[in-house]
Amino acid sequence: MNRYYKLLPLAIILLASACQKTETLEENKVEVDLYSKSDSVSFYVNGKHYTTEVDSDIEKYGYRNGGANLRLSDTKGKWTYGSAGKDLYWVGAPDSIQYSTSYTNYFPGGSIEFNYVKNYKEIELVEDSNTLVPRKDKIFYKVGKYDYAVDFKRRNWDEGVAIELSLKDIGGLTSFSTLANRFETQLNTISQNDSKFEILKVEEIKGTKLVMIEGKFEVNLFDDQEQKVVRVTDGYFRSKVYRSGNRSTY
């Protein structure tokens, strides 16, 4: 009996060690599998299925700044966009910056671009190659539902997601208005009332500056006259993206 109790702690240590090794191996296995997963996009338009090639990763990255919450003003500011008439300008809020990232996937017959859009106070960002970007210790992508930014690249009031789709047999379409600022858009949040975009999962890929994001979407897409052309349904995406958003240096 005494010998049993003497051996018991050793057995527990060995068992714990074995479990730890197994967990480490499983953890490493998960990371390897996660990194080796290819990016993927799949969706339907008018009943036709579009999908990226099995081994097709994101082929184009981008990021940009813009003035946020543009308003008419009789004086120019840091973010000024053209003239809005005699002595009037579209000027961004003095202490705010819009930051967005873009990822483009190509598939047979076209391409799709996802833009993730967020407005920041200028003091929340750092400069990187003449662009203000989120700090490296921040995760830009979050699990949850996103609104569609229907005012993207115009007056920049909206945050969320903006989608651009190019189809060989239809042309270029967007989830947002492409009209110049001097024209009033007919698109608003109601234009995407029956749409959805949700990031279901964000997984850090250890040893890299990447995260794997995975989610689903449905969206209405419009031409340059703001006419609804197609509805994208049953959309799915899986993408390896930079955790703090794109930038020139990491």
Protein backbone atom coordinates (compact mmCIF):
# COMPACT_ATOMS: atom_id res chain seq x y z
CA MET A 1 0.00 0.00 0.00
CA ASN A 2 2.81 2.42 0.91
CA ARG A 3 4.58 1.65 -2.36
CA TYR A 4 1.36 2.48 -4.26
CA TYR A 5 1.16 5.94 -2.68
CA LYS A 6 4.83 6.55 -3.39
CA LEU A 7 4.36 5.69 -7.07
CA LEU A 8 1.14 7.68 -7.45
CA PRO A 9 2.78 11.14 -7.63
CA LEU A 10 5.22 9.81 -10.25
CA ALA A 11 2.34 8.43 -12.30
CA ILE A 12 0.55 11.78 -12.10
CA ILE A 13 3.70 13.62 -13.24
CA LEU A 14 4.19 11.22 -16.16
CA LEU A 15 0.53 11.52 -17.12
CA ALA A 16 0.66 15.31 -16.96
CA SER A 17 3.85 15.32 -19.02
CA ALA A 18 2.26 13.05 -21.63
CA CYS A 19 -0.83 15.27 -21.77
CA GLN A 20 1.33 18.37 -22.13
CA LYS A 21 3.27 16.82 -25.02
CA THR A 22 0.04 15.71 -26.68
CA GLU A 23 -1.47 19.19 -26.29
CA THR A 24 1.72 20.77 -27.70
CA LEU A 25 1.68 18.44 -30.67
CA GLU A 26 -2.01 19.11 -31.24
CA GLU A 27 -1.44 22.86 -30.92
CA ASN A 28 1.40 22.75 -33.44
CA LYS A 29 -0.69 20.60 -35.74
CA VAL A 30 -3.54 23.11 -35.61
CA GLU A 31 -1.19 25.98 -36.43
CA VAL A 32 0.40 24.15 -39.37
CA ASP A 33 -3.01 23.19 -40.73
CA LEU A 34 -4.30 26.74 -40.27
CA TYR A 35 -1.39 28.33 -42.13
CA SER A 36 -1.59 25.79 -44.94
CA LYS A 37 -5.28 26.47 -45.56
CA SER A 38 -5.78 28.40 -48.78
CA ASP A 39 -7.90 31.54 -48.95
CA SER A 40 -11.34 30.84 -50.28
CA VAL A 41 -14.38 32.74 -51.52
CA SER A 42 -17.65 31.19 -52.66
CA PHE A 43 -21.00 32.77 -53.59
CA TYR A 44 -23.98 32.70 -55.96
CA VAL A 45 -25.21 35.33 -58.43
CA ASN A 46 -28.47 34.69 -60.29
CA GLY A 47 -28.23 31.02 -59.42
CA LYS A 48 -24.68 30.68 -60.80
CA HIS A 49 -21.95 29.52 -58.45
CA TYR A 50 -18.63 31.37 -58.36
CA THR A 51 -15.63 30.20 -56.34
CA THR A 52 -11.88 30.71 -56.17
CA GLU A 53 -9.53 27.97 -57.22
CA VAL A 54 -8.75 25.43 -54.50
CA ASP A 55 -5.18 26.71 -54.03
CA SER A 56 -5.88 30.39 -54.74
CA ASP A 57 -4.74 32.82 -52.03
CA ILE A 58 -5.46 36.55 -51.84
CA GLU A 59 -3.66 38.07 -54.81
CA LYS A 60 -3.88 41.80 -54.08
CA TYR A 61 -3.72 43.80 -50.85
CA GLY A 62 -4.34 47.47 -50.27
CA TYR A 63 -4.87 50.10 -47.58
CA ARG A 64 -5.79 53.75 -47.62
CA ASN A 65 -6.60 56.85 -45.61
CA GLY A 66 -9.36 59.30 -46.28
CA GLY A 67 -11.05 62.17 -44.57
CA ALA A 68 -13.88 61.06 -42.29
CA ASN A 69 -17.33 62.61 -41.95
CA LEU A 70 -16.91 65.07 -44.83
CA ARG A 71 -19.01 68.24 -44.62
CA LEU A 72 -19.41 71.33 -46.75
CA SER A 73 -17.17 74.19 -45.67
CA ASP A 74 -16.13 77.58 -47.01
CA THR A 75 -12.53 76.95 -45.89
CA LYS A 76 -10.14 74.17 -46.78
CA GLY A 77 -8.95 71.67 -44.19
CA LYS A 78 -6.45 68.82 -43.90
CA TRP A 79 -8.74 66.53 -45.87
CA THR A 80 -10.28 68.58 -48.67
CA TYR A 81 -11.93 67.07 -51.72
CA GLY A 82 -12.42 69.37 -54.68
CA SER A 83 -14.81 72.24 -54.96
CA ALA A 84 -18.48 71.87 -54.11
CA GLY A 85 -19.45 75.09 -55.83
CA LYS A 86 -18.39 78.69 -55.40
CA ASP A 87 -16.12 78.94 -52.35
CA LEU A 88 -17.37 75.60 -50.95
CA TYR A 89 -15.36 72.44 -50.27
CA TRP A 90 -15.90 68.94 -48.95
CA VAL A 91 -13.74 68.85 -45.83
CA GLY A 92 -13.12 65.99 -43.40
CA ALA A 93 -13.47 66.32 -39.63
CA PRO A 94 -10.22 67.85 -38.31
CA ASP A 95 -9.44 65.16 -35.74
CA SER A 96 -10.69 62.05 -37.58
CA ILE A 97 -9.24 59.72 -40.20
CA GLN A 98 -10.83 56.88 -42.15
CA TYR A 99 -8.62 53.82 -42.49
CA SER A 100 -9.54 50.89 -44.72
CA THR A 101 -7.94 47.67 -45.91
CA SER A 102 -8.76 45.79 -49.08
CA TYR A 103 -8.27 42.19 -50.20
CA THR A 104 -8.93 40.94 -53.72
CA ASN A 105 -9.57 37.34 -54.71
CA TYR A 106 -9.68 36.22 -58.34
CA PHE A 107 -11.81 33.41 -59.69
CA PRO A 108 -12.70 32.16 -63.18
CA GLY A 109 -14.72 34.95 -64.75
CA GLY A 110 -13.94 37.78 -62.38
CA SER A 111 -12.75 39.08 -59.01
CA ILE A 112 -14.15 40.21 -55.67
CA GLU A 113 -12.69 42.79 -53.32
CA PHE A 114 -13.51 43.15 -49.63
CA ASN A 115 -12.90 46.54 -47.98
CA TYR A 116 -12.92 46.82 -44.19
CA VAL A 117 -13.62 50.41 -43.17
CA LYS A 118 -13.19 52.15 -39.83
CA ASN A 119 -13.08 55.78 -38.65
CA TYR A 120 -10.51 56.69 -36.00
CA LYS A 121 -9.50 59.65 -33.95
CA GLU A 122 -6.16 60.75 -35.37
CA ILE A 123 -4.38 60.19 -32.04
CA GLU A 124 -5.34 56.49 -32.20
CA LEU A 125 -3.19 55.91 -35.31
CA VAL A 126 0.53 55.88 -36.08
CA GLU A 127 2.30 56.95 -39.25
CA ASP A 128 3.68 54.33 -41.60
CA SER A 129 5.05 55.39 -45.00
CA ASN A 130 2.94 58.57 -45.10
CA THR A 131 -0.22 56.69 -44.14
CA LEU A 132 -1.86 56.62 -40.73
CA VAL A 133 -2.49 53.04 -39.65
CA PRO A 134 -3.64 51.15 -36.51
CA ARG A 135 -0.98 50.24 -33.97
CA LYS A 136 0.70 46.87 -34.42
CA ASP A 137 -0.56 45.57 -31.08
CA LYS A 138 -4.20 46.01 -32.12
CA ILE A 139 -6.29 43.39 -33.92
CA PHE A 140 -8.13 45.16 -36.72
CA TYR A 141 -10.57 42.31 -37.40
CA LYS A 142 -13.23 41.36 -34.87
CA VAL A 143 -15.78 38.57 -34.67
CA GLY A 144 -19.26 39.93 -35.21
CA LYS A 145 -21.75 41.44 -37.63
CA TYR A 146 -20.74 44.36 -39.84
CA ASP A 147 -22.85 47.01 -41.55
CA TYR A 148 -22.29 47.86 -45.20
CA ALA A 149 -20.55 51.21 -45.67
CA VAL A 150 -22.75 52.59 -48.48
CA ASP A 151 -20.92 55.96 -48.38
CA PHE A 152 -17.43 54.48 -48.83
CA LYS A 153 -15.01 56.65 -50.87
CA ARG A 154 -17.50 59.54 -50.87
CA ARG A 155 -18.27 61.46 -47.68
CA ASN A 156 -16.97 58.62 -45.54
CA TRP A 157 -19.58 58.71 -42.79
CA ASP A 158 -20.09 54.96 -42.68
CA GLU A 159 -18.01 52.20 -41.13
CA GLY A 160 -18.18 48.50 -41.84
CA VAL A 161 -17.60 46.58 -45.07
CA ALA A 162 -17.72 47.53 -48.74
CA ILE A 163 -17.65 44.99 -51.57
CA GLU A 164 -16.59 45.41 -55.19
CA LEU A 165 -17.38 42.66 -57.68
CA SER A 166 -16.24 42.33 -61.28
CA LEU A 167 -17.91 39.72 -63.50
CA LYS A 168 -16.87 39.16 -67.09
CA ASP A 169 -20.44 39.00 -68.39
CA ILE A 170 -21.84 41.86 -66.24
CA GLY A 171 -19.06 44.33 -65.43
CA GLY A 172 -18.11 46.15 -62.26
CA LEU A 173 -20.57 46.42 -59.39
CA THR A 174 -20.35 47.78 -55.85
CA SER A 175 -22.22 47.61 -52.55
CA PHE A 176 -21.76 51.38 -52.19
CA SER A 177 -22.43 54.50 -54.22
CA THR A 178 -19.80 55.54 -56.75
CA LEU A 179 -21.37 58.93 -57.49
CA ALA A 180 -19.23 62.03 -57.00
CA ASN A 181 -19.80 64.01 -53.80
CA ARG A 182 -21.60 66.78 -55.63
CA PHE A 183 -24.45 64.37 -56.37
CA GLU A 184 -26.82 63.14 -53.69
CA THR A 185 -26.88 59.37 -53.42
CA GLN A 186 -30.08 57.37 -53.29
CA LEU A 187 -28.36 54.56 -51.40
CA ASN A 188 -28.65 54.31 -47.62
CA THR A 189 -28.77 51.65 -44.94
CA ILE A 190 -32.16 50.51 -46.21
CA SER A 191 -30.49 49.62 -49.52
CA GLN A 192 -28.76 46.76 -47.69
CA ASN A 193 -31.56 45.93 -45.22
CA ASP A 194 -31.81 42.34 -46.45
CA SER A 195 -28.04 41.90 -46.57
CA LYS A 196 -25.56 40.60 -44.02
CA PHE A 197 -21.85 40.34 -43.38
CA GLU A 198 -20.42 38.52 -40.41
CA ILE A 199 -16.96 37.43 -39.33
CA LEU A 200 -17.55 34.15 -37.53
CA LYS A 201 -13.99 33.35 -36.54
CA VAL A 202 -10.65 35.11 -36.06
CA GLU A 203 -7.70 32.80 -35.37
CA GLU A 204 -4.16 33.99 -34.79
CA ILE A 205 -1.50 32.12 -36.75
CA LYS A 206 1.39 31.81 -34.32
CA GLY A 207 4.81 32.83 -35.54
CA THR A 208 3.31 35.18 -38.14
CA LYS A 209 1.69 38.60 -38.28
CA LEU A 210 -1.43 37.03 -39.77
CA VAL A 211 -4.85 35.96 -38.61
CA MET A 212 -7.27 33.68 -40.39
CA ILE A 213 -10.73 35.20 -40.66
CA GLU A 214 -13.77 33.25 -41.74
CA GLY A 215 -17.32 34.39 -42.33
CA LYS A 216 -20.44 34.66 -44.45
CA PHE A 217 -22.17 37.38 -46.45
CA GLU A 218 -25.07 38.34 -48.69
CA VAL A 219 -25.23 41.68 -50.45
CA ASN A 220 -26.99 43.85 -53.03
CA LEU A 221 -24.71 45.24 -55.73
CA PHE A 222 -25.30 48.33 -57.84
CA ASP A 223 -24.00 49.84 -61.08
CA ASP A 224 -22.60 53.37 -61.42
CA GLN A 225 -26.13 54.75 -61.78
CA GLU A 226 -27.12 53.17 -58.45
CA GLN A 227 -29.39 50.67 -60.14
CA LYS A 228 -29.56 47.32 -58.38
CA VAL A 229 -28.07 44.79 -60.76
CA VAL A 230 -27.49 41.60 -58.79
CA ARG A 231 -27.86 40.05 -55.38
CA VAL A 232 -25.06 37.90 -54.04
CA THR A 233 -26.27 35.00 -51.89
CA ASP A 234 -24.76 32.19 -49.81
CA GLY A 235 -21.42 33.98 -49.66
CA TYR A 236 -18.52 32.47 -47.72
CA PHE A 237 -14.95 33.72 -47.22
CA ARG A 238 -11.80 32.49 -45.53
CA SER A 239 -8.78 34.80 -45.65
CA LYS A 240 -5.30 35.06 -44.14
CA VAL A 241 -4.94 38.76 -43.38
CA TYR A 242 -2.56 40.98 -41.41
CA ARG A 243 -3.78 41.13 -37.82
CA SER A 244 -3.44 44.92 -37.40
CA GLY A 245 -4.47 45.81 -40.95
CA ASN A 246 -2.24 46.26 -43.98
CA ARG A 247 0.81 48.49 -43.83
CA SER A 248 4.15 48.95 -45.57
CA THR A 249 6.22 47.72 -42.62
CA TYR A 250 5.34 45.00 -40.11
